[in-house]
């Protein structure tokens, strides 16, 4: 017992939100130590990693043939195992400074709908990146913890987590998930929808980073007063030359209509399958929104109008899931029931 506590004291536990768009790490000493894009730039000739995270994102759409900018996570799960391992190892080294006598244990949040094979890939990649052990928490549960919802009580708590690759809805009660639904439509699908709209309507090709920027500035689910007009540059599909267009909030709202409807549909499916007593609790307490997609302007209003529920966006939706994962890591005894492995 003494040696176990001693090595526990020496170890540096890490909570990780391994996301499609961004990866966040929390350590006991520094709190949120890493919040960077899930992107890795690789020199294919030398088979070497050139950049990870924020620096690597600048490579997207701007690389010569020998350099490949990779997003190793897709739809909330690992799409490229080796690159994911390199990315995790880099972020762990960056988050934990100084002498490391003992390998860190890790708590990682995962989507609710992933398979056993996908869970195994997460565990293996973390172990190969230097973790001593890996525990997992489902993302909606982590979001509920991060937002201080009363998960231990016999009450229905409805959570919508919109990440980069997946949107997940869960009804949580007595530290467990009573009902969950997910759809692989979230922030990345919104970016692609913006790209398609600009290509089809304006005959202009724009890159991933440009589409994401347009979404952040003009994206909305309901009409927004006094919205700006944005100049967007790209490549003319007919002439191949650079060209600039002007986009309005109405353009981007139309572009986002399908992914926004898909997110509403997954909420409605979850409500449909919720037992009556829990549904009554949800009617009284409303729904929590977390994740980067929750920042889409007017999305809370859109869902509230369609469901009749009070919808609340967490105060810091980009970090809600990580905060909850860290909370479970810091008090494993209290939150032992939220771990799924």
C-alpha atoms as a PDB file:
ATOM      1  CA  UNK A   1       0.000   0.000   0.000  1.00  0.00           C
ATOM      2  CA  UNK A   2       2.827   2.407   0.894  1.00  0.00           C
ATOM      3  CA  UNK A   3       4.663   1.825  -2.381  1.00  0.00           C
ATOM      4  CA  UNK A   4       1.455   2.217  -4.379  1.00  0.00           C
ATOM      5  CA  UNK A   5       0.799   5.596  -2.726  1.00  0.00           C
ATOM      6  CA  UNK A   6       4.433   6.609  -3.135  1.00  0.00           C
ATOM      7  CA  UNK A   7       4.463   5.919  -6.873  1.00  0.00           C
ATOM      8  CA  UNK A   8       1.067   7.562  -7.184  1.00  0.00           C
ATOM      9  CA  UNK A   9       2.605  10.665  -5.613  1.00  0.00           C
ATOM     10  CA  UNK A  10       5.491  10.610  -8.099  1.00  0.00           C
ATOM     11  CA  UNK A  11       3.265  10.044 -11.136  1.00  0.00           C
ATOM     12  CA  UNK A  12       1.740  12.932 -13.050  1.00  0.00           C
ATOM     13  CA  UNK A  13      -1.821  12.052 -13.971  1.00  0.00           C
ATOM     14  CA  UNK A  14      -3.269  13.469 -17.175  1.00  0.00           C
ATOM     15  CA  UNK A  15      -6.848  14.030 -18.278  1.00  0.00           C
ATOM     16  CA  UNK A  16      -7.245  14.190 -22.053  1.00  0.00           C
ATOM     17  CA  UNK A  17      -9.985  15.254 -24.425  1.00  0.00           C
ATOM     18  CA  UNK A  18      -8.762  13.580 -27.613  1.00  0.00           C
ATOM     19  CA  UNK A  19     -10.939  15.424 -30.090  1.00  0.00           C
ATOM     20  CA  UNK A  20     -11.350  15.437 -33.850  1.00  0.00           C
ATOM     21  CA  UNK A  21     -10.710  19.179 -34.050  1.00  0.00           C
ATOM     22  CA  UNK A  22      -8.701  19.891 -30.885  1.00  0.00           C
ATOM     23  CA  UNK A  23      -6.847  17.951 -28.205  1.00  0.00           C
ATOM     24  CA  UNK A  24      -6.849  19.255 -24.643  1.00  0.00           C
ATOM     25  CA  UNK A  25      -4.749  18.014 -21.706  1.00  0.00           C
ATOM     26  CA  UNK A  26      -5.167  18.713 -18.001  1.00  0.00           C
ATOM     27  CA  UNK A  27      -2.498  18.044 -15.370  1.00  0.00           C
ATOM     28  CA  UNK A  28      -2.688  18.300 -11.595  1.00  0.00           C
ATOM     29  CA  UNK A  29       0.081  20.888 -11.502  1.00  0.00           C
ATOM     30  CA  UNK A  30      -0.913  23.184 -14.372  1.00  0.00           C
ATOM     31  CA  UNK A  31      -4.630  22.725 -14.972  1.00  0.00           C
ATOM     32  CA  UNK A  32      -5.393  22.979 -18.705  1.00  0.00           C
ATOM     33  CA  UNK A  33      -1.877  22.646 -20.079  1.00  0.00           C
ATOM     34  CA  UNK A  34      -2.625  21.913 -23.752  1.00  0.00           C
ATOM     35  CA  UNK A  35      -5.404  23.189 -26.041  1.00  0.00           C
ATOM     36  CA  UNK A  36      -4.263  22.741 -29.634  1.00  0.00           C
ATOM     37  CA  UNK A  37      -5.606  21.485 -32.983  1.00  0.00           C
ATOM     38  CA  UNK A  38      -5.430  17.723 -33.616  1.00  0.00           C
ATOM     39  CA  UNK A  39      -3.122  18.111 -36.611  1.00  0.00           C
ATOM     40  CA  UNK A  40       0.316  16.638 -37.392  1.00  0.00           C
ATOM     41  CA  UNK A  41       2.633  17.726 -40.239  1.00  0.00           C
ATOM     42  CA  UNK A  42       4.864  14.933 -41.584  1.00  0.00           C
ATOM     43  CA  UNK A  43       7.851  14.947 -43.936  1.00  0.00           C
ATOM     44  CA  UNK A  44       7.073  11.870 -46.045  1.00  0.00           C
ATOM     45  CA  UNK A  45      10.599  11.640 -47.477  1.00  0.00           C
ATOM     46  CA  UNK A  46      12.267  11.482 -44.064  1.00  0.00           C
ATOM     47  CA  UNK A  47       9.252   9.901 -42.317  1.00  0.00           C
ATOM     48  CA  UNK A  48       9.624  12.534 -39.597  1.00  0.00           C
ATOM     49  CA  UNK A  49       7.160  14.714 -37.698  1.00  0.00           C
ATOM     50  CA  UNK A  50       7.724  18.397 -38.537  1.00  0.00           C
ATOM     51  CA  UNK A  51       5.052  20.048 -36.414  1.00  0.00           C
ATOM     52  CA  UNK A  52       2.129  19.190 -34.144  1.00  0.00           C
ATOM     53  CA  UNK A  53      -0.910  21.166 -33.026  1.00  0.00           C
ATOM     54  CA  UNK A  54      -1.180  24.896 -33.681  1.00  0.00           C
ATOM     55  CA  UNK A  55       1.979  25.036 -35.803  1.00  0.00           C
ATOM     56  CA  UNK A  56       0.867  22.056 -37.911  1.00  0.00           C
ATOM     57  CA  UNK A  57      -2.584  23.556 -38.593  1.00  0.00           C
ATOM     58  CA  UNK A  58      -0.909  26.381 -40.514  1.00  0.00           C
ATOM     59  CA  UNK A  59       0.360  23.722 -42.938  1.00  0.00           C
ATOM     60  CA  UNK A  60      -3.174  22.667 -43.998  1.00  0.00           C
ATOM     61  CA  UNK A  61      -3.634  23.435 -47.691  1.00  0.00           C
ATOM     62  CA  UNK A  62      -0.163  25.003 -47.952  1.00  0.00           C
ATOM     63  CA  UNK A  63       2.224  22.032 -48.137  1.00  0.00           C
ATOM     64  CA  UNK A  64       4.588  20.942 -50.920  1.00  0.00           C
ATOM     65  CA  UNK A  65       4.350  17.349 -52.149  1.00  0.00           C
ATOM     66  CA  UNK A  66       6.849  15.942 -49.649  1.00  0.00           C
ATOM     67  CA  UNK A  67       4.960  17.311 -46.618  1.00  0.00           C
ATOM     68  CA  UNK A  68       1.612  15.940 -45.482  1.00  0.00           C
ATOM     69  CA  UNK A  69      -0.620  17.694 -42.939  1.00  0.00           C
ATOM     70  CA  UNK A  70      -2.713  14.990 -41.261  1.00  0.00           C
ATOM     71  CA  UNK A  71      -5.737  15.120 -38.984  1.00  0.00           C
ATOM     72  CA  UNK A  72      -5.438  11.651 -37.410  1.00  0.00           C
ATOM     73  CA  UNK A  73      -8.851  11.770 -35.708  1.00  0.00           C
ATOM     74  CA  UNK A  74     -12.041  11.420 -37.766  1.00  0.00           C
ATOM     75  CA  UNK A  75     -15.613  11.456 -36.469  1.00  0.00           C
ATOM     76  CA  UNK A  76     -14.347  11.283 -32.899  1.00  0.00           C
ATOM     77  CA  UNK A  77     -12.243   8.141 -33.392  1.00  0.00           C
ATOM     78  CA  UNK A  78      -8.700   7.304 -34.467  1.00  0.00           C
ATOM     79  CA  UNK A  79      -8.287   7.220 -38.242  1.00  0.00           C
ATOM     80  CA  UNK A  80      -4.459   7.023 -38.308  1.00  0.00           C
ATOM     81  CA  UNK A  81      -3.080   5.029 -35.383  1.00  0.00           C
ATOM     82  CA  UNK A  82       0.642   5.805 -35.796  1.00  0.00           C
ATOM     83  CA  UNK A  83       0.127   9.544 -36.255  1.00  0.00           C
ATOM     84  CA  UNK A  84      -2.246   9.679 -33.270  1.00  0.00           C
ATOM     85  CA  UNK A  85       0.396   7.974 -31.113  1.00  0.00           C
ATOM     86  CA  UNK A  86       3.000  10.548 -32.196  1.00  0.00           C
ATOM     87  CA  UNK A  87       0.565  13.384 -31.484  1.00  0.00           C
ATOM     88  CA  UNK A  88      -0.318  12.135 -27.999  1.00  0.00           C
ATOM     89  CA  UNK A  89       3.356  11.587 -27.147  1.00  0.00           C
ATOM     90  CA  UNK A  90       4.200  15.129 -28.265  1.00  0.00           C
ATOM     91  CA  UNK A  91       1.417  16.691 -26.201  1.00  0.00           C
ATOM     92  CA  UNK A  92       2.309  14.613 -23.117  1.00  0.00           C
ATOM     93  CA  UNK A  93       5.965  15.722 -23.340  1.00  0.00           C
ATOM     94  CA  UNK A  94       4.838  19.333 -23.719  1.00  0.00           C
ATOM     95  CA  UNK A  95       2.384  19.133 -20.807  1.00  0.00           C
ATOM     96  CA  UNK A  96       4.733  17.404 -18.342  1.00  0.00           C
ATOM     97  CA  UNK A  97       7.950  19.276 -17.834  1.00  0.00           C
ATOM     98  CA  UNK A  98      10.866  18.333 -15.637  1.00  0.00           C
ATOM     99  CA  UNK A  99      11.931  14.908 -14.378  1.00  0.00           C
ATOM    100  CA  UNK A 100       9.516  12.031 -15.018  1.00  0.00           C
ATOM    101  CA  UNK A 101      10.291   9.100 -12.715  1.00  0.00           C
ATOM    102  CA  UNK A 102       7.000   7.311 -13.309  1.00  0.00           C
ATOM    103  CA  UNK A 103       4.862   7.076 -16.423  1.00  0.00           C
ATOM    104  CA  UNK A 104       1.662   9.132 -16.157  1.00  0.00           C
ATOM    105  CA  UNK A 105      -1.734   7.493 -15.864  1.00  0.00           C
ATOM    106  CA  UNK A 106      -4.312   8.907 -18.255  1.00  0.00           C
ATOM    107  CA  UNK A 107      -8.059   9.442 -18.221  1.00  0.00           C
ATOM    108  CA  UNK A 108      -9.409   9.944 -21.749  1.00  0.00           C
ATOM    109  CA  UNK A 109     -12.939  10.844 -22.778  1.00  0.00           C
ATOM    110  CA  UNK A 110     -14.467   9.009 -25.751  1.00  0.00           C
ATOM    111  CA  UNK A 111     -17.679   9.234 -27.810  1.00  0.00           C
ATOM    112  CA  UNK A 112     -20.563   7.078 -26.605  1.00  0.00           C
ATOM    113  CA  UNK A 113     -21.109   5.279 -29.884  1.00  0.00           C
ATOM    114  CA  UNK A 114     -17.630   3.931 -30.627  1.00  0.00           C
ATOM    115  CA  UNK A 115     -16.898   0.222 -31.022  1.00  0.00           C
ATOM    116  CA  UNK A 116     -14.710  -2.012 -28.850  1.00  0.00           C
ATOM    117  CA  UNK A 117     -12.059  -1.964 -31.579  1.00  0.00           C
ATOM    118  CA  UNK A 118     -12.060   1.849 -31.560  1.00  0.00           C
ATOM    119  CA  UNK A 119     -11.804   1.893 -27.752  1.00  0.00           C
ATOM    120  CA  UNK A 120      -8.858  -0.500 -27.950  1.00  0.00           C
ATOM    121  CA  UNK A 121      -7.152   1.800 -30.455  1.00  0.00           C
ATOM    122  CA  UNK A 122      -7.446   4.731 -28.013  1.00  0.00           C
ATOM    123  CA  UNK A 123      -5.987   2.679 -25.158  1.00  0.00           C
ATOM    124  CA  UNK A 124      -3.138   1.243 -27.242  1.00  0.00           C
ATOM    125  CA  UNK A 125      -2.158   4.604 -28.713  1.00  0.00           C
ATOM    126  CA  UNK A 126      -1.999   6.170 -25.238  1.00  0.00           C
ATOM    127  CA  UNK A 127       0.022   3.274 -23.802  1.00  0.00           C
ATOM    128  CA  UNK A 128       2.491   3.383 -26.696  1.00  0.00           C
ATOM    129  CA  UNK A 129       2.745   7.164 -26.244  1.00  0.00           C
ATOM    130  CA  UNK A 130       3.994   6.629 -22.676  1.00  0.00           C
ATOM    131  CA  UNK A 131       0.976   6.194 -20.381  1.00  0.00           C
ATOM    132  CA  UNK A 132       1.190   3.643 -17.559  1.00  0.00           C
ATOM    133  CA  UNK A 133      -2.573   3.019 -17.560  1.00  0.00           C
ATOM    134  CA  UNK A 134      -5.631   4.356 -19.357  1.00  0.00           C
ATOM    135  CA  UNK A 135      -9.151   4.911 -18.032  1.00  0.00           C
ATOM    136  CA  UNK A 136     -12.062   6.151 -20.132  1.00  0.00           C
ATOM    137  CA  UNK A 137     -15.129   8.324 -19.572  1.00  0.00           C
ATOM    138  CA  UNK A 138     -17.901   8.899 -22.095  1.00  0.00           C
ATOM    139  CA  UNK A 139     -17.973  12.475 -23.402  1.00  0.00           C
ATOM    140  CA  UNK A 140     -21.560  13.395 -22.415  1.00  0.00           C
ATOM    141  CA  UNK A 141     -20.882  12.146 -18.880  1.00  0.00           C
ATOM    142  CA  UNK A 142     -17.693  14.203 -18.780  1.00  0.00           C
ATOM    143  CA  UNK A 143     -19.647  17.234 -20.022  1.00  0.00           C
ATOM    144  CA  UNK A 144     -22.226  16.770 -17.251  1.00  0.00           C
ATOM    145  CA  UNK A 145     -19.425  16.585 -14.677  1.00  0.00           C
ATOM    146  CA  UNK A 146     -17.693  19.633 -16.129  1.00  0.00           C
ATOM    147  CA  UNK A 147     -20.906  21.654 -15.913  1.00  0.00           C
ATOM    148  CA  UNK A 148     -21.572  20.612 -12.287  1.00  0.00           C
ATOM    149  CA  UNK A 149     -24.834  18.806 -13.066  1.00  0.00           C
ATOM    150  CA  UNK A 150     -26.204  16.625 -10.205  1.00  0.00           C
ATOM    151  CA  UNK A 151     -25.264  13.330 -11.867  1.00  0.00           C
ATOM    152  CA  UNK A 152     -25.424  11.294  -8.635  1.00  0.00           C
ATOM    153  CA  UNK A 153     -29.068  12.127  -7.985  1.00  0.00           C
ATOM    154  CA  UNK A 154     -32.115  10.258  -9.368  1.00  0.00           C
ATOM    155  CA  UNK A 155     -32.848  13.085 -11.801  1.00  0.00           C
ATOM    156  CA  UNK A 156     -32.783  13.238 -15.584  1.00  0.00           C
ATOM    157  CA  UNK A 157     -29.991  15.471 -16.923  1.00  0.00           C
ATOM    158  CA  UNK A 158     -29.980  16.052 -20.689  1.00  0.00           C
ATOM    159  CA  UNK A 159     -26.622  16.877 -22.275  1.00  0.00           C
ATOM    160  CA  UNK A 160     -25.771  17.739 -25.890  1.00  0.00           C
ATOM    161  CA  UNK A 161     -22.055  17.689 -26.711  1.00  0.00           C
ATOM    162  CA  UNK A 162     -21.149  18.982 -30.194  1.00  0.00           C
ATOM    163  CA  UNK A 163     -17.502  18.330 -30.959  1.00  0.00           C
ATOM    164  CA  UNK A 164     -15.534  18.340 -34.174  1.00  0.00           C
ATOM    165  CA  UNK A 165     -16.617  14.928 -35.446  1.00  0.00           C
ATOM    166  CA  UNK A 166     -19.695  13.856 -33.484  1.00  0.00           C
ATOM    167  CA  UNK A 167     -22.758  15.319 -31.800  1.00  0.00           C
ATOM    168  CA  UNK A 168     -23.887  13.280 -28.807  1.00  0.00           C
ATOM    169  CA  UNK A 169     -26.985  13.492 -26.667  1.00  0.00           C
ATOM    170  CA  UNK A 170     -27.288  11.635 -23.379  1.00  0.00           C
ATOM    171  CA  UNK A 171     -29.779  11.408 -20.547  1.00  0.00           C
ATOM    172  CA  UNK A 172     -27.789  10.991 -17.334  1.00  0.00           C
ATOM    173  CA  UNK A 173     -29.129   9.851 -13.962  1.00  0.00           C
ATOM    174  CA  UNK A 174     -27.613   8.132 -10.913  1.00  0.00           C
ATOM    175  CA  UNK A 175     -24.077   8.407 -12.398  1.00  0.00           C
ATOM    176  CA  UNK A 176     -25.067   6.440 -15.470  1.00  0.00           C
ATOM    177  CA  UNK A 177     -26.260   7.014 -19.023  1.00  0.00           C
ATOM    178  CA  UNK A 178     -29.953   6.071 -19.260  1.00  0.00           C
ATOM    179  CA  UNK A 179     -30.229   6.810 -22.966  1.00  0.00           C
ATOM    180  CA  UNK A 180     -27.842   8.148 -25.583  1.00  0.00           C
ATOM    181  CA  UNK A 181     -27.916   8.992 -29.269  1.00  0.00           C
ATOM    182  CA  UNK A 182     -25.121  10.218 -31.526  1.00  0.00           C
ATOM    183  CA  UNK A 183     -24.613  11.379 -35.077  1.00  0.00           C
ATOM    184  CA  UNK A 184     -21.337  11.898 -36.894  1.00  0.00           C
ATOM    185  CA  UNK A 185     -22.291  15.455 -37.811  1.00  0.00           C
ATOM    186  CA  UNK A 186     -20.651  18.300 -35.896  1.00  0.00           C
ATOM    187  CA  UNK A 187     -18.100  21.089 -36.380  1.00  0.00           C
ATOM    188  CA  UNK A 188     -16.229  19.444 -39.259  1.00  0.00           C
ATOM    189  CA  UNK A 189     -19.467  18.756 -41.128  1.00  0.00           C
ATOM    190  CA  UNK A 190     -20.371  22.425 -40.732  1.00  0.00           C
ATOM    191  CA  UNK A 191     -17.028  23.449 -42.240  1.00  0.00           C
ATOM    192  CA  UNK A 192     -17.570  21.096 -45.188  1.00  0.00           C
ATOM    193  CA  UNK A 193     -21.092  22.447 -45.672  1.00  0.00           C
ATOM    194  CA  UNK A 194     -19.703  25.989 -45.900  1.00  0.00           C
ATOM    195  CA  UNK A 195     -17.083  24.846 -48.435  1.00  0.00           C
ATOM    196  CA  UNK A 196     -19.718  23.090 -50.568  1.00  0.00           C
ATOM    197  CA  UNK A 197     -22.044  26.085 -50.507  1.00  0.00           C
ATOM    198  CA  UNK A 198     -19.324  28.515 -51.609  1.00  0.00           C
ATOM    199  CA  UNK A 199     -18.228  26.094 -54.322  1.00  0.00           C
ATOM    200  CA  UNK A 200     -21.730  25.423 -55.664  1.00  0.00           C
ATOM    201  CA  UNK A 201     -23.225  28.926 -55.371  1.00  0.00           C
ATOM    202  CA  UNK A 202     -20.201  31.144 -56.019  1.00  0.00           C
ATOM    203  CA  UNK A 203     -18.018  28.714 -58.015  1.00  0.00           C
ATOM    204  CA  UNK A 204     -15.161  29.383 -55.614  1.00  0.00           C
ATOM    205  CA  UNK A 205     -12.848  26.873 -53.915  1.00  0.00           C
ATOM    206  CA  UNK A 206     -11.792  27.717 -50.349  1.00  0.00           C
ATOM    207  CA  UNK A 207      -9.601  25.800 -47.894  1.00  0.00           C
ATOM    208  CA  UNK A 208     -10.474  24.174 -44.581  1.00  0.00           C
ATOM    209  CA  UNK A 209      -9.136  27.018 -42.454  1.00  0.00           C
ATOM    210  CA  UNK A 210     -11.029  29.628 -44.478  1.00  0.00           C
ATOM    211  CA  UNK A 211     -14.301  27.696 -44.192  1.00  0.00           C
ATOM    212  CA  UNK A 212     -13.848  27.342 -40.440  1.00  0.00           C
ATOM    213  CA  UNK A 213     -13.183  31.072 -40.098  1.00  0.00           C
ATOM    214  CA  UNK A 214     -16.316  31.893 -42.107  1.00  0.00           C
ATOM    215  CA  UNK A 215     -18.367  29.599 -39.843  1.00  0.00           C
ATOM    216  CA  UNK A 216     -17.023  31.235 -36.695  1.00  0.00           C
ATOM    217  CA  UNK A 217     -17.692  34.787 -37.894  1.00  0.00           C
ATOM    218  CA  UNK A 218     -20.962  34.404 -39.825  1.00  0.00           C
ATOM    219  CA  UNK A 219     -22.330  30.991 -38.824  1.00  0.00           C
ATOM    220  CA  UNK A 220     -25.778  30.949 -37.222  1.00  0.00           C
ATOM    221  CA  UNK A 221     -28.865  28.776 -36.814  1.00  0.00           C
ATOM    222  CA  UNK A 222     -31.381  31.645 -36.651  1.00  0.00           C
ATOM    223  CA  UNK A 223     -31.229  35.158 -38.221  1.00  0.00           C
ATOM    224  CA  UNK A 224     -28.783  37.484 -36.471  1.00  0.00           C
ATOM    225  CA  UNK A 225     -29.281  41.268 -36.428  1.00  0.00           C
ATOM    226  CA  UNK A 226     -26.431  43.565 -37.482  1.00  0.00           C
ATOM    227  CA  UNK A 227     -24.309  40.690 -38.823  1.00  0.00           C
ATOM    228  CA  UNK A 228     -21.240  41.797 -40.825  1.00  0.00           C
ATOM    229  CA  UNK A 229     -20.514  41.141 -44.488  1.00  0.00           C
ATOM    230  CA  UNK A 230     -17.323  39.132 -44.926  1.00  0.00           C
ATOM    231  CA  UNK A 231     -14.915  39.212 -47.866  1.00  0.00           C
ATOM    232  CA  UNK A 232     -13.667  35.713 -48.643  1.00  0.00           C
ATOM    233  CA  UNK A 233     -10.870  34.876 -51.060  1.00  0.00           C
ATOM    234  CA  UNK A 234     -10.278  31.598 -52.861  1.00  0.00           C
ATOM    235  CA  UNK A 235      -9.675  30.024 -56.285  1.00  0.00           C
ATOM    236  CA  UNK A 236     -12.153  30.577 -59.114  1.00  0.00           C
ATOM    237  CA  UNK A 237     -13.361  27.142 -60.292  1.00  0.00           C
ATOM    238  CA  UNK A 238     -13.733  28.278 -63.910  1.00  0.00           C
ATOM    239  CA  UNK A 239     -10.638  30.405 -64.525  1.00  0.00           C
ATOM    240  CA  UNK A 240      -8.393  29.000 -61.805  1.00  0.00           C
ATOM    241  CA  UNK A 241      -7.390  32.516 -60.738  1.00  0.00           C
ATOM    242  CA  UNK A 242      -7.745  34.034 -57.247  1.00  0.00           C
ATOM    243  CA  UNK A 243     -11.063  35.782 -56.609  1.00  0.00           C
ATOM    244  CA  UNK A 244     -12.840  37.541 -53.740  1.00  0.00           C
ATOM    245  CA  UNK A 245     -16.536  37.263 -52.895  1.00  0.00           C
ATOM    246  CA  UNK A 246     -18.766  38.811 -50.240  1.00  0.00           C
ATOM    247  CA  UNK A 247     -20.669  36.523 -47.877  1.00  0.00           C
ATOM    248  CA  UNK A 248     -23.550  37.425 -45.589  1.00  0.00           C
ATOM    249  CA  UNK A 249     -24.899  35.755 -42.479  1.00  0.00           C
ATOM    250  CA  UNK A 250     -27.869  34.573 -44.546  1.00  0.00           C
ATOM    251  CA  UNK A 251     -25.582  32.744 -46.983  1.00  0.00           C
ATOM    252  CA  UNK A 252     -23.818  30.848 -44.218  1.00  0.00           C
ATOM    253  CA  UNK A 253     -27.050  30.079 -42.348  1.00  0.00           C
ATOM    254  CA  UNK A 254     -28.385  28.473 -45.527  1.00  0.00           C
ATOM    255  CA  UNK A 255     -25.123  26.529 -45.914  1.00  0.00           C
ATOM    256  CA  UNK A 256     -25.452  25.184 -42.373  1.00  0.00           C
ATOM    257  CA  UNK A 257     -29.138  24.257 -42.614  1.00  0.00           C
ATOM    258  CA  UNK A 258     -28.573  20.494 -43.102  1.00  0.00           C
ATOM    259  CA  UNK A 259     -25.991  19.887 -40.337  1.00  0.00           C
ATOM    260  CA  UNK A 260     -28.006  22.022 -37.908  1.00  0.00           C
ATOM    261  CA  UNK A 261     -31.134  19.992 -38.697  1.00  0.00           C
ATOM    262  CA  UNK A 262     -29.171  16.744 -38.205  1.00  0.00           C
ATOM    263  CA  UNK A 263     -28.144  17.906 -34.716  1.00  0.00           C
ATOM    264  CA  UNK A 264     -31.743  18.799 -33.858  1.00  0.00           C
ATOM    265  CA  UNK A 265     -32.888  15.384 -35.119  1.00  0.00           C
ATOM    266  CA  UNK A 266     -30.509  13.527 -32.795  1.00  0.00           C
ATOM    267  CA  UNK A 267     -31.864  15.547 -29.844  1.00  0.00           C
ATOM    268  CA  UNK A 268     -35.435  14.647 -30.839  1.00  0.00           C
ATOM    269  CA  UNK A 269     -34.505  10.953 -31.131  1.00  0.00           C
ATOM    270  CA  UNK A 270     -33.031  10.996 -27.632  1.00  0.00           C
ATOM    271  CA  UNK A 271     -36.136  12.659 -26.207  1.00  0.00           C
ATOM    272  CA  UNK A 272     -38.328  10.116 -27.982  1.00  0.00           C
ATOM    273  CA  UNK A 273     -36.548   7.214 -26.240  1.00  0.00           C
ATOM    274  CA  UNK A 274     -36.451   8.811 -22.774  1.00  0.00           C
ATOM    275  CA  UNK A 275     -38.634   7.204 -20.051  1.00  0.00           C
ATOM    276  CA  UNK A 276     -41.545   9.395 -18.818  1.00  0.00           C
ATOM    277  CA  UNK A 277     -40.150  10.179 -15.345  1.00  0.00           C
ATOM    278  CA  UNK A 278     -36.823  11.299 -16.748  1.00  0.00           C
ATOM    279  CA  UNK A 279     -38.613  13.254 -19.475  1.00  0.00           C
ATOM    280  CA  UNK A 280     -40.502  15.158 -16.768  1.00  0.00           C
ATOM    281  CA  UNK A 281     -37.196  16.046 -15.081  1.00  0.00           C
ATOM    282  CA  UNK A 282     -35.769  17.250 -18.401  1.00  0.00           C
ATOM    283  CA  UNK A 283     -38.850  19.403 -19.014  1.00  0.00           C
ATOM    284  CA  UNK A 284     -38.229  21.109 -15.675  1.00  0.00           C
ATOM    285  CA  UNK A 285     -34.424  21.361 -15.879  1.00  0.00           C
ATOM    286  CA  UNK A 286     -33.791  21.839 -19.604  1.00  0.00           C
ATOM    287  CA  UNK A 287     -30.757  20.796 -21.631  1.00  0.00           C
ATOM    288  CA  UNK A 288     -27.060  21.612 -21.351  1.00  0.00           C
ATOM    289  CA  UNK A 289     -25.022  22.291 -24.501  1.00  0.00           C
ATOM    290  CA  UNK A 290     -21.247  21.843 -24.563  1.00  0.00           C
ATOM    291  CA  UNK A 291     -18.465  21.487 -27.123  1.00  0.00           C
ATOM    292  CA  UNK A 292     -17.206  23.893 -29.763  1.00  0.00           C
ATOM    293  CA  UNK A 293     -20.351  23.483 -31.862  1.00  0.00           C
ATOM    294  CA  UNK A 294     -22.409  24.948 -29.024  1.00  0.00           C
ATOM    295  CA  UNK A 295     -20.848  28.313 -29.901  1.00  0.00           C
ATOM    296  CA  UNK A 296     -22.756  28.472 -33.198  1.00  0.00           C
ATOM    297  CA  UNK A 297     -24.848  31.607 -32.837  1.00  0.00           C
ATOM    298  CA  UNK A 298     -28.530  30.967 -32.199  1.00  0.00           C
ATOM    299  CA  UNK A 299     -28.249  27.171 -32.041  1.00  0.00           C
ATOM    300  CA  UNK A 300     -29.564  27.138 -28.474  1.00  0.00           C
ATOM    301  CA  UNK A 301     -32.554  29.243 -29.570  1.00  0.00           C
ATOM    302  CA  UNK A 302     -33.186  26.999 -32.595  1.00  0.00           C
ATOM    303  CA  UNK A 303     -33.248  23.825 -30.478  1.00  0.00           C
ATOM    304  CA  UNK A 304     -35.303  25.479 -27.739  1.00  0.00           C
ATOM    305  CA  UNK A 305     -37.953  26.590 -30.232  1.00  0.00           C
ATOM    306  CA  UNK A 306     -38.151  23.108 -31.758  1.00  0.00           C
ATOM    307  CA  UNK A 307     -38.283  21.146 -28.475  1.00  0.00           C
ATOM    308  CA  UNK A 308     -39.905  23.547 -26.031  1.00  0.00           C
ATOM    309  CA  UNK A 309     -36.994  23.018 -23.622  1.00  0.00           C
ATOM    310  CA  UNK A 310     -34.871  25.559 -21.839  1.00  0.00           C
ATOM    311  CA  UNK A 311     -31.420  25.248 -23.448  1.00  0.00           C
ATOM    312  CA  UNK A 312     -28.319  26.489 -21.623  1.00  0.00           C
ATOM    313  CA  UNK A 313     -24.844  26.767 -23.160  1.00  0.00           C
ATOM    314  CA  UNK A 314     -22.062  26.023 -20.673  1.00  0.00           C
ATOM    315  CA  UNK A 315     -19.981  29.014 -19.631  1.00  0.00           C
ATOM    316  CA  UNK A 316     -16.869  27.622 -21.380  1.00  0.00           C
ATOM    317  CA  UNK A 317     -18.192  25.007 -23.827  1.00  0.00           C
ATOM    318  CA  UNK A 318     -14.800  24.332 -25.429  1.00  0.00           C
ATOM    319  CA  UNK A 319     -13.403  22.987 -22.150  1.00  0.00           C
ATOM    320  CA  UNK A 320     -16.504  21.477 -20.495  1.00  0.00           C
ATOM    321  CA  UNK A 321     -15.632  17.884 -21.405  1.00  0.00           C
ATOM    322  CA  UNK A 322     -12.013  18.239 -20.306  1.00  0.00           C
ATOM    323  CA  UNK A 323     -13.008  19.821 -16.991  1.00  0.00           C
ATOM    324  CA  UNK A 324     -15.317  16.896 -16.303  1.00  0.00           C
ATOM    325  CA  UNK A 325     -12.676  14.355 -17.298  1.00  0.00           C
ATOM    326  CA  UNK A 326     -10.212  16.074 -14.959  1.00  0.00           C
ATOM    327  CA  UNK A 327     -12.748  16.042 -12.153  1.00  0.00           C
ATOM    328  CA  UNK A 328     -13.154  12.280 -12.500  1.00  0.00           C
ATOM    329  CA  UNK A 329      -9.372  11.868 -12.559  1.00  0.00           C
ATOM    330  CA  UNK A 330      -8.843  13.967  -9.440  1.00  0.00           C
ATOM    331  CA  UNK A 331     -11.424  12.060  -7.371  1.00  0.00           C
ATOM    332  CA  UNK A 332     -11.572   8.541  -8.754  1.00  0.00           C
ATOM    333  CA  UNK A 333     -13.215   7.172  -5.611  1.00  0.00           C
ATOM    334  CA  UNK A 334     -16.196   9.563  -5.758  1.00  0.00           C
ATOM    335  CA  UNK A 335     -16.649   9.164  -9.521  1.00  0.00           C
ATOM    336  CA  UNK A 336     -15.664   5.509  -9.896  1.00  0.00           C
ATOM    337  CA  UNK A 337     -19.007   4.675 -11.523  1.00  0.00           C
ATOM    338  CA  UNK A 338     -18.427   7.001 -14.493  1.00  0.00           C
ATOM    339  CA  UNK A 339     -15.428   5.031 -15.755  1.00  0.00           C
ATOM    340  CA  UNK A 340     -16.375   2.533 -18.450  1.00  0.00           C
ATOM    341  CA  UNK A 341     -13.285   0.307 -18.344  1.00  0.00           C
END
